[in-house]
Amino acid sequence: MKYLLIALLSISLTTIAQDEPTGVRFFEGTFRQAMAKAKKENKGIMFDAYTTWCGPCKVLKSKVFPNPELGAYINEHFVSIGVDMEAGEGPALANMYPLEGYPTVFFLDASGKVKKKVLGLPQGGAKELLAIAKSIK
C-alpha cells in the first residue's frame, strides 16, 4: 500500500510538472491591455508580429519561444504578446509599427516606443533572441 501511494504521488507530481508552461508565456488579451500590464508591472513588451501562412513564424513559435532559458528571461522582464497581423487588431498595429517582413519581433518600452526590431527568424535561435533581449535598456 505504501509503495502504491508513493507511485501515485510520483505520477501526479510528474503530471503537474508537465503542465507548467516552459518558454515564453504570451499575454491573452489586446495590445492595449498588454501595454497596461507592462506599465503596471514595470516591464517592457515583446511583440511578435506574425501571420498564419508564414513558415519562419511557425518555427519561431514551435522551436524558439518554447526555450526555457529564453522564457525565464522574457517572462521576468517583458509582457509578451503575439498578434496575427492580418486579423483582429493586427492591421491597425501594422500602421503603428510598419513591417518589412514576417516574423518581426519588436521589443518596446511600456509606452509602446520601439527599442529594438528583429526582422525574420534569428539564425542563432533562442540563444540569439535571448542576447538581443538582454541588450535592451
N, C-alpha and C. Protein backbone atom coordinates (compact mmCIF):
# COMPACT_ATOMS: atom_id res chain seq x y z
N MET A 1 0.83 -1.19 0.00
CA MET A 1 0.00 0.00 0.00
C MET A 1 0.88 1.26 0.00
N LYS A 2 1.93 1.23 0.80
CA LYS A 2 2.84 2.36 0.90
C LYS A 2 3.48 2.66 -0.46
N TYR A 3 3.89 1.60 -1.18
CA TYR A 3 4.54 1.77 -2.48
C TYR A 3 3.55 2.29 -3.52
N LEU A 4 2.32 1.85 -3.44
CA LEU A 4 1.28 2.31 -4.35
C LEU A 4 1.05 3.81 -4.16
N LEU A 5 1.00 4.24 -2.91
CA LEU A 5 0.81 5.65 -2.60
C LEU A 5 1.97 6.50 -3.12
N ILE A 6 3.18 6.01 -2.94
CA ILE A 6 4.36 6.73 -3.44
C ILE A 6 4.33 6.80 -4.96
N ALA A 7 3.96 5.71 -5.62
CA ALA A 7 3.89 5.69 -7.09
C ALA A 7 2.84 6.67 -7.59
N LEU A 8 1.68 6.70 -6.97
CA LEU A 8 0.62 7.63 -7.38
C LEU A 8 1.04 9.08 -7.17
N LEU A 9 1.68 9.35 -6.05
CA LEU A 9 2.16 10.70 -5.77
C LEU A 9 3.21 11.11 -6.80
N SER A 10 4.10 10.22 -7.14
CA SER A 10 5.14 10.50 -8.13
C SER A 10 4.54 10.79 -9.50
N ILE A 11 3.54 10.01 -9.90
CA ILE A 11 2.88 10.22 -11.19
C ILE A 11 2.16 11.56 -11.20
N SER A 12 1.46 11.89 -10.12
CA SER A 12 0.71 13.15 -10.10
C SER A 12 1.66 14.36 -10.10
N LEU A 13 2.80 14.26 -9.42
CA LEU A 13 3.77 15.36 -9.44
C LEU A 13 4.39 15.52 -10.82
N THR A 14 4.63 14.42 -11.50
CA THR A 14 5.17 14.47 -12.86
C THR A 14 4.17 15.13 -13.79
N THR A 15 2.90 14.80 -13.64
CA THR A 15 1.85 15.39 -14.47
C THR A 15 1.76 16.89 -14.22
N ILE A 16 1.82 17.30 -12.96
CA ILE A 16 1.77 18.72 -12.62
C ILE A 16 2.96 19.44 -13.24
N ALA A 17 4.14 18.86 -13.14
CA ALA A 17 5.35 19.49 -13.69
C ALA A 17 5.25 19.64 -15.20
N GLN A 18 4.64 18.66 -15.88
CA GLN A 18 4.50 18.73 -17.32
C GLN A 18 3.50 19.81 -17.73
N ASP A 19 2.54 20.14 -16.86
CA ASP A 19 1.56 21.16 -17.17
C ASP A 19 2.12 22.57 -17.01
N GLU A 20 3.24 22.70 -16.30
CA GLU A 20 3.87 24.00 -16.12
C GLU A 20 4.36 24.49 -17.49
N PRO A 21 3.97 25.70 -17.88
CA PRO A 21 4.44 26.18 -19.17
C PRO A 21 5.93 26.51 -19.13
N THR A 22 6.64 26.06 -20.14
CA THR A 22 8.04 26.43 -20.25
C THR A 22 8.15 27.37 -21.43
N GLY A 23 9.16 28.15 -21.43
CA GLY A 23 9.33 29.08 -22.53
C GLY A 23 8.56 30.37 -22.31
N VAL A 24 8.45 31.12 -23.38
CA VAL A 24 7.80 32.42 -23.33
C VAL A 24 6.30 32.24 -23.12
N ARG A 25 5.78 32.96 -22.13
CA ARG A 25 4.33 32.96 -21.88
C ARG A 25 3.74 34.19 -22.56
N PHE A 26 2.74 33.98 -23.39
CA PHE A 26 2.13 35.08 -24.13
C PHE A 26 0.85 35.55 -23.45
N PHE A 27 0.72 36.86 -23.36
CA PHE A 27 -0.45 37.51 -22.77
C PHE A 27 -1.66 37.25 -23.65
N GLU A 28 -2.75 36.89 -23.03
CA GLU A 28 -4.02 36.68 -23.74
C GLU A 28 -4.86 37.93 -23.55
N GLY A 29 -4.94 38.74 -24.52
CA GLY A 29 -5.70 39.98 -24.44
C GLY A 29 -5.31 40.90 -25.57
N THR A 30 -5.77 42.13 -25.50
CA THR A 30 -5.48 43.09 -26.55
C THR A 30 -4.10 43.70 -26.35
N PHE A 31 -3.64 44.36 -27.39
CA PHE A 31 -2.35 45.04 -27.32
C PHE A 31 -2.40 46.14 -26.26
N ARG A 32 -3.49 46.87 -26.22
CA ARG A 32 -3.65 47.94 -25.23
C ARG A 32 -3.61 47.37 -23.81
N GLN A 33 -4.25 46.23 -23.59
CA GLN A 33 -4.23 45.59 -22.27
C GLN A 33 -2.81 45.13 -21.92
N ALA A 34 -2.07 44.64 -22.92
CA ALA A 34 -0.68 44.21 -22.68
C ALA A 34 0.17 45.42 -22.29
N MET A 35 -0.07 46.57 -22.92
CA MET A 35 0.67 47.78 -22.56
C MET A 35 0.35 48.20 -21.13
N ALA A 36 -0.92 48.12 -20.76
CA ALA A 36 -1.31 48.48 -19.39
C ALA A 36 -0.65 47.55 -18.38
N LYS A 37 -0.61 46.27 -18.69
CA LYS A 37 0.02 45.29 -17.81
C LYS A 37 1.52 45.58 -17.68
N ALA A 38 2.16 45.90 -18.80
CA ALA A 38 3.59 46.21 -18.78
C ALA A 38 3.86 47.45 -17.93
N LYS A 39 3.03 48.47 -18.05
CA LYS A 39 3.21 49.68 -17.24
C LYS A 39 3.05 49.36 -15.76
N LYS A 40 2.01 48.59 -15.45
CA LYS A 40 1.72 48.24 -14.06
C LYS A 40 2.86 47.42 -13.44
N GLU A 41 3.45 46.51 -14.23
CA GLU A 41 4.50 45.62 -13.73
C GLU A 41 5.90 46.16 -13.98
N ASN A 42 5.99 47.37 -14.54
CA ASN A 42 7.27 48.00 -14.85
C ASN A 42 8.14 47.09 -15.73
N LYS A 43 7.55 46.61 -16.82
CA LYS A 43 8.23 45.72 -17.77
C LYS A 43 8.16 46.33 -19.16
N GLY A 44 8.96 45.78 -20.04
CA GLY A 44 8.87 46.11 -21.45
C GLY A 44 7.84 45.20 -22.11
N ILE A 45 7.73 45.32 -23.41
CA ILE A 45 6.80 44.48 -24.18
C ILE A 45 7.59 43.78 -25.28
N MET A 46 7.37 42.48 -25.42
CA MET A 46 7.88 41.75 -26.57
C MET A 46 6.67 41.46 -27.45
N PHE A 47 6.67 42.02 -28.64
CA PHE A 47 5.54 41.95 -29.56
C PHE A 47 5.96 41.12 -30.77
N ASP A 48 5.35 39.93 -30.88
CA ASP A 48 5.62 39.02 -32.01
C ASP A 48 4.58 39.30 -33.08
N ALA A 49 5.00 39.92 -34.18
CA ALA A 49 4.13 40.21 -35.32
C ALA A 49 4.27 39.07 -36.32
N TYR A 50 3.20 38.30 -36.51
CA TYR A 50 3.26 37.11 -37.36
C TYR A 50 2.05 37.03 -38.27
N THR A 51 2.06 36.07 -39.17
CA THR A 51 0.89 35.71 -39.96
C THR A 51 0.74 34.19 -39.89
N THR A 52 -0.45 33.72 -40.22
CA THR A 52 -0.71 32.28 -40.13
C THR A 52 -0.02 31.50 -41.24
N TRP A 53 0.28 32.14 -42.37
CA TRP A 53 0.87 31.44 -43.51
C TRP A 53 2.40 31.45 -43.51
N CYS A 54 3.00 32.16 -42.58
CA CYS A 54 4.46 32.37 -42.56
C CYS A 54 5.19 31.18 -41.93
N GLY A 55 6.00 30.50 -42.74
CA GLY A 55 6.77 29.35 -42.25
C GLY A 55 7.75 29.70 -41.13
N PRO A 56 8.60 30.73 -41.32
CA PRO A 56 9.52 31.10 -40.24
C PRO A 56 8.79 31.51 -38.95
N CYS A 57 7.59 32.07 -39.08
CA CYS A 57 6.80 32.42 -37.89
C CYS A 57 6.46 31.16 -37.09
N LYS A 58 6.12 30.10 -37.82
CA LYS A 58 5.78 28.83 -37.17
C LYS A 58 7.00 28.22 -36.47
N VAL A 59 8.18 28.37 -37.09
CA VAL A 59 9.41 27.86 -36.47
C VAL A 59 9.71 28.65 -35.20
N LEU A 60 9.55 29.97 -35.26
CA LEU A 60 9.77 30.82 -34.08
C LEU A 60 8.87 30.35 -32.94
N LYS A 61 7.61 30.11 -33.27
CA LYS A 61 6.63 29.69 -32.26
C LYS A 61 6.91 28.29 -31.71
N SER A 62 7.32 27.37 -32.57
CA SER A 62 7.48 25.98 -32.12
C SER A 62 8.88 25.64 -31.62
N LYS A 63 9.91 26.34 -32.10
CA LYS A 63 11.29 25.97 -31.75
C LYS A 63 12.02 27.00 -30.89
N VAL A 64 11.69 28.27 -31.02
CA VAL A 64 12.43 29.31 -30.31
C VAL A 64 11.73 29.72 -29.02
N PHE A 65 10.47 30.12 -29.11
CA PHE A 65 9.76 30.60 -27.93
C PHE A 65 9.62 29.56 -26.81
N PRO A 66 9.56 28.26 -27.10
CA PRO A 66 9.47 27.28 -26.00
C PRO A 66 10.75 27.10 -25.18
N ASN A 67 11.86 27.69 -25.59
CA ASN A 67 13.13 27.53 -24.89
C ASN A 67 13.01 28.01 -23.44
N PRO A 68 13.32 27.15 -22.46
CA PRO A 68 13.17 27.52 -21.05
C PRO A 68 14.02 28.71 -20.61
N GLU A 69 15.26 28.79 -21.08
CA GLU A 69 16.14 29.90 -20.68
C GLU A 69 15.62 31.22 -21.25
N LEU A 70 15.22 31.21 -22.50
CA LEU A 70 14.65 32.41 -23.12
C LEU A 70 13.37 32.80 -22.38
N GLY A 71 12.52 31.81 -22.13
CA GLY A 71 11.26 32.07 -21.44
C GLY A 71 11.46 32.68 -20.07
N ALA A 72 12.40 32.16 -19.32
CA ALA A 72 12.65 32.67 -17.96
C ALA A 72 13.01 34.15 -18.00
N TYR A 73 13.87 34.52 -18.93
CA TYR A 73 14.29 35.93 -19.02
C TYR A 73 13.16 36.82 -19.54
N ILE A 74 12.57 36.40 -20.63
CA ILE A 74 11.49 37.21 -21.24
C ILE A 74 10.33 37.37 -20.26
N ASN A 75 9.91 36.29 -19.62
CA ASN A 75 8.77 36.36 -18.71
C ASN A 75 9.03 37.28 -17.52
N GLU A 76 10.29 37.38 -17.11
CA GLU A 76 10.63 38.24 -15.97
C GLU A 76 10.69 39.72 -16.36
N HIS A 77 11.11 40.00 -17.60
CA HIS A 77 11.37 41.39 -17.99
C HIS A 77 10.38 42.00 -18.99
N PHE A 78 9.55 41.16 -19.60
CA PHE A 78 8.65 41.64 -20.65
C PHE A 78 7.25 41.04 -20.50
N VAL A 79 6.26 41.76 -20.99
CA VAL A 79 4.94 41.21 -21.23
C VAL A 79 4.96 40.86 -22.72
N SER A 80 4.73 39.61 -23.04
CA SER A 80 4.80 39.16 -24.43
C SER A 80 3.42 39.05 -25.03
N ILE A 81 3.30 39.50 -26.26
CA ILE A 81 2.03 39.38 -26.97
C ILE A 81 2.33 39.01 -28.42
N GLY A 82 1.58 38.06 -28.93
CA GLY A 82 1.68 37.67 -30.33
C GLY A 82 0.43 38.14 -31.05
N VAL A 83 0.60 38.75 -32.22
CA VAL A 83 -0.54 39.27 -32.96
C VAL A 83 -0.46 38.82 -34.41
N ASP A 84 -1.55 38.20 -34.88
CA ASP A 84 -1.69 37.88 -36.30
C ASP A 84 -1.93 39.21 -37.00
N MET A 85 -1.01 39.63 -37.81
CA MET A 85 -1.06 40.96 -38.40
C MET A 85 -2.10 41.10 -39.52
N GLU A 86 -2.77 40.01 -39.85
CA GLU A 86 -3.81 40.06 -40.88
C GLU A 86 -5.20 39.85 -40.30
N ALA A 87 -5.33 39.83 -38.98
CA ALA A 87 -6.62 39.60 -38.36
C ALA A 87 -6.77 40.47 -37.11
N GLY A 88 -8.00 40.67 -36.69
CA GLY A 88 -8.26 41.41 -35.46
C GLY A 88 -7.60 42.77 -35.46
N GLU A 89 -6.84 43.05 -34.41
CA GLU A 89 -6.18 44.36 -34.30
C GLU A 89 -4.87 44.43 -35.08
N GLY A 90 -4.48 43.35 -35.74
CA GLY A 90 -3.24 43.30 -36.49
C GLY A 90 -3.06 44.39 -37.54
N PRO A 91 -4.04 44.58 -38.45
CA PRO A 91 -3.87 45.63 -39.47
C PRO A 91 -3.67 47.03 -38.87
N ALA A 92 -4.37 47.36 -37.81
CA ALA A 92 -4.19 48.66 -37.17
C ALA A 92 -2.80 48.77 -36.56
N LEU A 93 -2.33 47.69 -35.95
CA LEU A 93 -0.98 47.70 -35.37
C LEU A 93 0.09 47.80 -36.46
N ALA A 94 -0.20 47.23 -37.64
CA ALA A 94 0.76 47.32 -38.75
C ALA A 94 0.93 48.77 -39.20
N ASN A 95 -0.09 49.60 -39.01
CA ASN A 95 0.03 51.03 -39.31
C ASN A 95 0.90 51.73 -38.28
N MET A 96 0.82 51.28 -37.04
CA MET A 96 1.61 51.89 -35.96
C MET A 96 3.06 51.41 -35.99
N TYR A 97 3.24 50.14 -36.35
CA TYR A 97 4.56 49.51 -36.36
C TYR A 97 4.80 48.91 -37.75
N PRO A 98 5.27 49.74 -38.69
CA PRO A 98 5.47 49.26 -40.06
C PRO A 98 6.39 48.04 -40.13
N LEU A 99 5.99 47.11 -40.98
CA LEU A 99 6.69 45.84 -41.11
C LEU A 99 7.37 45.73 -42.47
N GLU A 100 8.52 45.09 -42.47
CA GLU A 100 9.23 44.81 -43.71
C GLU A 100 9.11 43.33 -44.08
N GLY A 101 8.65 42.52 -43.17
CA GLY A 101 8.51 41.09 -43.40
C GLY A 101 8.09 40.38 -42.13
N TYR A 102 7.91 39.07 -42.26
CA TYR A 102 7.47 38.25 -41.12
C TYR A 102 8.46 37.12 -40.89
N PRO A 103 8.63 36.71 -39.67
CA PRO A 103 8.15 37.37 -38.46
C PRO A 103 8.98 38.61 -38.14
N THR A 104 8.38 39.50 -37.39
CA THR A 104 9.10 40.62 -36.83
C THR A 104 8.81 40.63 -35.34
N VAL A 105 9.85 40.65 -34.53
CA VAL A 105 9.70 40.74 -33.09
C VAL A 105 10.14 42.14 -32.68
N PHE A 106 9.21 42.87 -32.07
CA PHE A 106 9.51 44.20 -31.56
C PHE A 106 9.72 44.12 -30.06
N PHE A 107 10.75 44.78 -29.58
CA PHE A 107 10.92 45.00 -28.16
C PHE A 107 10.56 46.46 -27.92
N LEU A 108 9.56 46.68 -27.09
CA LEU A 108 9.02 48.01 -26.85
C LEU A 108 9.15 48.38 -25.39
N ASP A 109 9.15 49.68 -25.11
CA ASP A 109 9.01 50.08 -23.70
C ASP A 109 7.51 50.03 -23.37
N ALA A 110 7.17 50.28 -22.12
CA ALA A 110 5.77 50.14 -21.69
C ALA A 110 4.83 51.13 -22.36
N SER A 111 5.38 52.21 -22.92
CA SER A 111 4.52 53.18 -23.61
C SER A 111 4.38 52.86 -25.10
N GLY A 112 5.07 51.81 -25.56
CA GLY A 112 4.93 51.38 -26.95
C GLY A 112 6.03 51.86 -27.88
N LYS A 113 7.03 52.54 -27.35
CA LYS A 113 8.15 53.01 -28.18
C LYS A 113 9.06 51.84 -28.52
N VAL A 114 9.43 51.73 -29.80
CA VAL A 114 10.30 50.65 -30.25
C VAL A 114 11.72 50.84 -29.71
N LYS A 115 12.19 49.81 -29.01
CA LYS A 115 13.57 49.80 -28.50
C LYS A 115 14.47 48.98 -29.45
N LYS A 116 13.89 47.92 -30.03
CA LYS A 116 14.65 47.04 -30.93
C LYS A 116 13.65 46.30 -31.81
N LYS A 117 14.03 46.10 -33.08
CA LYS A 117 13.21 45.35 -34.02
C LYS A 117 14.04 44.22 -34.59
N VAL A 118 13.51 43.01 -34.53
CA VAL A 118 14.20 41.84 -35.05
C VAL A 118 13.38 41.31 -36.23
N LEU A 119 13.91 41.45 -37.42
CA LEU A 119 13.22 41.02 -38.63
C LEU A 119 13.67 39.61 -39.01
N GLY A 120 12.70 38.74 -39.19
CA GLY A 120 12.99 37.38 -39.61
C GLY A 120 13.31 36.46 -38.45
N LEU A 121 13.54 35.22 -38.79
CA LEU A 121 13.87 34.20 -37.80
C LEU A 121 15.33 34.36 -37.39
N PRO A 122 15.61 34.58 -36.10
CA PRO A 122 17.01 34.71 -35.68
C PRO A 122 17.77 33.42 -36.00
N GLN A 123 18.87 33.55 -36.75
CA GLN A 123 19.64 32.38 -37.16
C GLN A 123 20.23 31.63 -35.97
N GLY A 124 20.50 32.36 -34.89
CA GLY A 124 21.03 31.75 -33.68
C GLY A 124 19.94 31.24 -32.75
N GLY A 125 18.69 31.25 -33.21
CA GLY A 125 17.57 30.72 -32.44
C GLY A 125 17.35 31.43 -31.12
N ALA A 126 16.98 30.66 -30.11
CA ALA A 126 16.65 31.20 -28.79
C ALA A 126 17.84 31.91 -28.17
N LYS A 127 19.03 31.39 -28.39
CA LYS A 127 20.24 31.99 -27.82
C LYS A 127 20.43 33.41 -28.35
N GLU A 128 20.24 33.60 -29.64
CA GLU A 128 20.38 34.93 -30.25
C GLU A 128 19.29 35.88 -29.75
N LEU A 129 18.05 35.40 -29.70
CA LEU A 129 16.95 36.25 -29.24
C LEU A 129 17.14 36.62 -27.77
N LEU A 130 17.66 35.70 -26.98
CA LEU A 130 17.95 35.99 -25.57
C LEU A 130 19.02 37.09 -25.45
N ALA A 131 20.06 37.00 -26.25
CA ALA A 131 21.12 38.02 -26.22
C ALA A 131 20.56 39.38 -26.62
N ILE A 132 19.69 39.40 -27.60
CA ILE A 132 19.06 40.67 -28.02
C ILE A 132 18.21 41.22 -26.88
N ALA A 133 17.38 40.36 -26.27
CA ALA A 133 16.51 40.80 -25.17
C ALA A 133 17.34 41.36 -24.03
N LYS A 134 18.45 40.72 -23.71
CA LYS A 134 19.30 41.19 -22.61
C LYS A 134 19.98 42.53 -22.93
N SER A 135 20.10 42.85 -24.21
CA SER A 135 20.75 44.11 -24.59
C SER A 135 19.79 45.30 -24.53
N ILE A 136 18.51 45.06 -24.35
CA ILE A 136 17.52 46.12 -24.31
C ILE A 136 17.65 46.88 -22.99
N LYS A 137 17.81 48.18 -23.08
CA LYS A 137 17.93 49.01 -21.87
C LYS A 137 16.72 49.89 -21.71
